[in-house]
Amino acid sequence: MQANDVRVLKSAAIPTLAVGVVAVVVALLAAGGKGALGAAIGALLVGIFFSISVVAVSYAARVSPQMMAIAAMLSYLVKVVVIMLVLSAFGDTTAWNSRAFAWTVVVCTLVWTAFEVRAFVKTKMLYVDPEGRVPGKGDS
């Protein structure tokens, strides 16, 4: 991973972790132990999914911009499919509070996305290669 990618990952993961801890405490107070467990699982799920996406897109960016776009779209598709499978598999569970789980997933996703966008906006990345040369033009 490049330094910019690590910075983006940290910039999004740390606030999401903090919000996840707050969600666990709020769920514990509102719904007891099952609420805290649901919130913890939700925060963990968001953290893992989005971290994998950042790593996958980072490695694909080394290959080409087209591979980076494909990796971003595929990681999004995989996240949607896996979350649907998790929700359908554990939809009727009584092991944890599903409402605390769902709200934590939504809030942590919004926080991760907001801080990831913030990190990208603050990152000073060149969009063109200043050293790039056009074949057949200028010096050979």
C-alpha atoms as a PDB file:
ATOM      1  CA  MET A   1       0.000   0.000   0.000  1.00  0.00           C
ATOM      2  CA  GLN A   2       1.111   3.506  -0.704  1.00  0.00           C
ATOM      3  CA  ALA A   3       1.457   6.090   2.048  1.00  0.00           C
ATOM      4  CA  ASN A   4      -1.648   7.930   0.807  1.00  0.00           C
ATOM      5  CA  ASP A   5      -3.705   4.751   1.054  1.00  0.00           C
ATOM      6  CA  VAL A   6      -2.535   4.063   4.595  1.00  0.00           C
ATOM      7  CA  ARG A   7      -3.411   7.656   5.531  1.00  0.00           C
ATOM      8  CA  VAL A   8      -6.906   7.261   4.064  1.00  0.00           C
ATOM      9  CA  LEU A   9      -7.389   3.937   5.848  1.00  0.00           C
ATOM     10  CA  LYS A  10      -6.339   5.392   9.212  1.00  0.00           C
ATOM     11  CA  SER A  11      -8.363   8.559   8.665  1.00  0.00           C
ATOM     12  CA  ALA A  12     -11.534   6.519   8.214  1.00  0.00           C
ATOM     13  CA  ALA A  13     -10.861   3.609  10.584  1.00  0.00           C
ATOM     14  CA  ILE A  14     -10.084   5.594  13.732  1.00  0.00           C
ATOM     15  CA  PRO A  15     -13.292   7.697  13.782  1.00  0.00           C
ATOM     16  CA  THR A  16     -15.328   4.620  12.862  1.00  0.00           C
ATOM     17  CA  LEU A  17     -13.773   2.711  15.749  1.00  0.00           C
ATOM     18  CA  ALA A  18     -14.649   5.561  18.109  1.00  0.00           C
ATOM     19  CA  VAL A  19     -18.237   5.676  16.860  1.00  0.00           C
ATOM     20  CA  GLY A  20     -18.426   1.880  17.147  1.00  0.00           C
ATOM     21  CA  VAL A  21     -17.378   2.037  20.803  1.00  0.00           C
ATOM     22  CA  VAL A  22     -19.987   4.727  21.480  1.00  0.00           C
ATOM     23  CA  ALA A  23     -22.598   2.599  19.688  1.00  0.00           C
ATOM     24  CA  VAL A  24     -21.736  -0.406  21.857  1.00  0.00           C
ATOM     25  CA  VAL A  25     -22.112   1.671  25.034  1.00  0.00           C
ATOM     26  CA  VAL A  26     -25.401   3.202  23.858  1.00  0.00           C
ATOM     27  CA  ALA A  27     -26.726  -0.225  22.836  1.00  0.00           C
ATOM     28  CA  LEU A  28     -25.647  -1.673  26.181  1.00  0.00           C
ATOM     29  CA  LEU A  29     -27.574   1.012  28.027  1.00  0.00           C
ATOM     30  CA  ALA A  30     -30.614   0.794  25.737  1.00  0.00           C
ATOM     31  CA  ALA A  31     -30.879  -2.941  25.077  1.00  0.00           C
ATOM     32  CA  GLY A  32     -28.524  -4.676  27.478  1.00  0.00           C
ATOM     33  CA  GLY A  33     -25.903  -7.254  26.626  1.00  0.00           C
ATOM     34  CA  LYS A  34     -27.604  -8.404  23.433  1.00  0.00           C
ATOM     35  CA  GLY A  35     -27.687  -4.816  22.208  1.00  0.00           C
ATOM     36  CA  ALA A  36     -23.987  -4.365  22.928  1.00  0.00           C
ATOM     37  CA  LEU A  37     -23.200  -7.611  21.115  1.00  0.00           C
ATOM     38  CA  GLY A  38     -25.253  -6.557  18.094  1.00  0.00           C
ATOM     39  CA  ALA A  39     -23.548  -3.156  17.976  1.00  0.00           C
ATOM     40  CA  ALA A  40     -20.100  -4.720  18.326  1.00  0.00           C
ATOM     41  CA  ILE A  41     -20.743  -7.183  15.508  1.00  0.00           C
ATOM     42  CA  GLY A  42     -22.105  -4.386  13.309  1.00  0.00           C
ATOM     43  CA  ALA A  43     -19.096  -2.133  13.907  1.00  0.00           C
ATOM     44  CA  LEU A  44     -16.707  -5.026  13.310  1.00  0.00           C
ATOM     45  CA  LEU A  45     -18.463  -5.938  10.078  1.00  0.00           C
ATOM     46  CA  VAL A  46     -18.209  -2.374   8.746  1.00  0.00           C
ATOM     47  CA  GLY A  47     -14.557  -2.084   9.757  1.00  0.00           C
ATOM     48  CA  ILE A  48     -13.584  -5.340   8.078  1.00  0.00           C
ATOM     49  CA  PHE A  49     -15.571  -4.746   4.888  1.00  0.00           C
ATOM     50  CA  PHE A  50     -14.329  -1.234   4.283  1.00  0.00           C
ATOM     51  CA  SER A  51     -10.722  -2.039   5.200  1.00  0.00           C
ATOM     52  CA  ILE A  52     -10.685  -4.885   2.687  1.00  0.00           C
ATOM     53  CA  SER A  53     -12.081  -2.547   0.043  1.00  0.00           C
ATOM     54  CA  VAL A  54      -9.393   0.081   0.631  1.00  0.00           C
ATOM     55  CA  VAL A  55      -6.646  -2.548   0.456  1.00  0.00           C
ATOM     56  CA  ALA A  56      -8.074  -4.151  -2.690  1.00  0.00           C
ATOM     57  CA  VAL A  57      -8.439  -0.841  -4.512  1.00  0.00           C
ATOM     58  CA  SER A  58      -4.966   0.208  -3.395  1.00  0.00           C
ATOM     59  CA  TYR A  59      -3.345  -2.893  -4.839  1.00  0.00           C
ATOM     60  CA  ALA A  60      -5.400  -2.680  -8.022  1.00  0.00           C
ATOM     61  CA  ALA A  61      -4.285   0.939  -8.469  1.00  0.00           C
ATOM     62  CA  ARG A  62      -0.728  -0.319  -8.865  1.00  0.00           C
ATOM     63  CA  VAL A  63      -1.785  -2.208 -11.982  1.00  0.00           C
ATOM     64  CA  SER A  64      -3.808   0.464 -13.761  1.00  0.00           C
ATOM     65  CA  PRO A  65      -6.603   2.995 -13.283  1.00  0.00           C
ATOM     66  CA  GLN A  66      -8.980   0.631 -15.060  1.00  0.00           C
ATOM     67  CA  MET A  67      -8.171  -2.171 -12.602  1.00  0.00           C
ATOM     68  CA  MET A  68      -8.689   0.253  -9.732  1.00  0.00           C
ATOM     69  CA  ALA A  69     -12.200   1.057 -10.975  1.00  0.00           C
ATOM     70  CA  ILE A  70     -12.990  -2.619 -11.481  1.00  0.00           C
ATOM     71  CA  ALA A  71     -11.709  -3.469  -7.991  1.00  0.00           C
ATOM     72  CA  ALA A  72     -13.824  -0.693  -6.467  1.00  0.00           C
ATOM     73  CA  MET A  73     -16.968  -1.895  -8.224  1.00  0.00           C
ATOM     74  CA  LEU A  74     -16.323  -5.564  -7.454  1.00  0.00           C
ATOM     75  CA  SER A  75     -15.557  -4.872  -3.805  1.00  0.00           C
ATOM     76  CA  TYR A  76     -18.821  -2.925  -3.550  1.00  0.00           C
ATOM     77  CA  LEU A  77     -20.736  -5.784  -5.172  1.00  0.00           C
ATOM     78  CA  VAL A  78     -19.120  -8.344  -2.873  1.00  0.00           C
ATOM     79  CA  LYS A  79     -19.950  -6.206   0.186  1.00  0.00           C
ATOM     80  CA  VAL A  80     -23.598  -5.950  -0.842  1.00  0.00           C
ATOM     81  CA  VAL A  81     -23.897  -9.688  -1.517  1.00  0.00           C
ATOM     82  CA  VAL A  82     -22.149 -10.691   1.720  1.00  0.00           C
ATOM     83  CA  ILE A  83     -24.196  -8.311   3.848  1.00  0.00           C
ATOM     84  CA  MET A  84     -27.367  -9.709   2.246  1.00  0.00           C
ATOM     85  CA  LEU A  85     -26.192 -13.234   3.068  1.00  0.00           C
ATOM     86  CA  VAL A  86     -25.344 -12.259   6.650  1.00  0.00           C
ATOM     87  CA  LEU A  87     -28.708 -10.570   7.117  1.00  0.00           C
ATOM     88  CA  SER A  88     -30.619 -13.497   5.658  1.00  0.00           C
ATOM     89  CA  ALA A  89     -28.635 -16.052   7.656  1.00  0.00           C
ATOM     90  CA  PHE A  90     -28.996 -14.189  10.950  1.00  0.00           C
ATOM     91  CA  GLY A  91     -32.299 -12.405  10.303  1.00  0.00           C
ATOM     92  CA  ASP A  92     -34.181 -14.337  12.973  1.00  0.00           C
ATOM     93  CA  THR A  93     -31.381 -14.583  15.505  1.00  0.00           C
ATOM     94  CA  THR A  94     -31.991 -13.978  19.161  1.00  0.00           C
ATOM     95  CA  ALA A  95     -28.273 -14.014  20.034  1.00  0.00           C
ATOM     96  CA  TRP A  96     -28.049 -10.243  19.627  1.00  0.00           C
ATOM     97  CA  ASN A  97     -30.311  -7.259  19.183  1.00  0.00           C
ATOM     98  CA  SER A  98     -30.839  -6.857  15.446  1.00  0.00           C
ATOM     99  CA  ARG A  99     -31.953  -3.236  15.761  1.00  0.00           C
ATOM    100  CA  ALA A 100     -28.692  -2.269  17.508  1.00  0.00           C
ATOM    101  CA  PHE A 101     -26.794  -4.210  14.842  1.00  0.00           C
ATOM    102  CA  ALA A 102     -28.588  -2.444  11.989  1.00  0.00           C
ATOM    103  CA  TRP A 103     -28.258   1.070  13.394  1.00  0.00           C
ATOM    104  CA  THR A 104     -24.590   0.534  14.148  1.00  0.00           C
ATOM    105  CA  VAL A 105     -23.941  -0.682  10.591  1.00  0.00           C
ATOM    106  CA  VAL A 106     -25.700   2.368   9.146  1.00  0.00           C
ATOM    107  CA  VAL A 107     -23.998   4.908  11.409  1.00  0.00           C
ATOM    108  CA  CYS A 108     -20.528   3.345  11.093  1.00  0.00           C
ATOM    109  CA  THR A 109     -20.910   3.175   7.294  1.00  0.00           C
ATOM    110  CA  LEU A 110     -21.816   6.870   7.151  1.00  0.00           C
ATOM    111  CA  VAL A 111     -18.895   7.807   9.413  1.00  0.00           C
ATOM    112  CA  TRP A 112     -16.425   5.671   7.435  1.00  0.00           C
ATOM    113  CA  THR A 113     -17.603   7.125   4.132  1.00  0.00           C
ATOM    114  CA  ALA A 114     -17.517  10.722   5.372  1.00  0.00           C
ATOM    115  CA  PHE A 115     -14.004  10.433   6.782  1.00  0.00           C
ATOM    116  CA  GLU A 116     -12.762   8.541   3.735  1.00  0.00           C
ATOM    117  CA  VAL A 117     -14.028  11.351   1.499  1.00  0.00           C
ATOM    118  CA  ARG A 118     -12.442  13.905   3.841  1.00  0.00           C
ATOM    119  CA  ALA A 119      -9.111  12.069   3.652  1.00  0.00           C
ATOM    120  CA  PHE A 120      -9.195  11.938  -0.149  1.00  0.00           C
ATOM    121  CA  VAL A 121     -10.041  15.633  -0.355  1.00  0.00           C
ATOM    122  CA  LYS A 122      -7.144  16.529   1.955  1.00  0.00           C
ATOM    123  CA  THR A 123      -4.668  14.255   0.148  1.00  0.00           C
ATOM    124  CA  LYS A 124      -2.537  16.168  -2.301  1.00  0.00           C
ATOM    125  CA  MET A 125      -2.379  13.759  -5.233  1.00  0.00           C
ATOM    126  CA  LEU A 126      -1.420  14.619  -8.774  1.00  0.00           C
ATOM    127  CA  TYR A 127      -3.998  13.651 -11.335  1.00  0.00           C
ATOM    128  CA  VAL A 128      -1.486  13.707 -14.166  1.00  0.00           C
ATOM    129  CA  ASP A 129       2.107  12.601 -14.395  1.00  0.00           C
ATOM    130  CA  PRO A 130       4.182  15.777 -14.690  1.00  0.00           C
ATOM    131  CA  GLU A 131       7.105  13.735 -16.045  1.00  0.00           C
ATOM    132  CA  GLY A 132       4.924  11.936 -18.604  1.00  0.00           C
ATOM    133  CA  ARG A 133       5.777  12.092 -22.268  1.00  0.00           C
ATOM    134  CA  VAL A 134       3.495  11.680 -25.235  1.00  0.00           C
ATOM    135  CA  PRO A 135       4.882   9.109 -27.690  1.00  0.00           C
ATOM    136  CA  GLY A 136       5.863  10.684 -31.011  1.00  0.00           C
ATOM    137  CA  LYS A 137       5.844  14.240 -29.644  1.00  0.00           C
ATOM    138  CA  GLY A 138       8.808  16.318 -28.544  1.00  0.00           C
ATOM    139  CA  ASP A 139      12.144  14.825 -27.508  1.00  0.00           C
ATOM    140  CA  SER A 140      12.833  11.180 -28.210  1.00  0.00           C
END
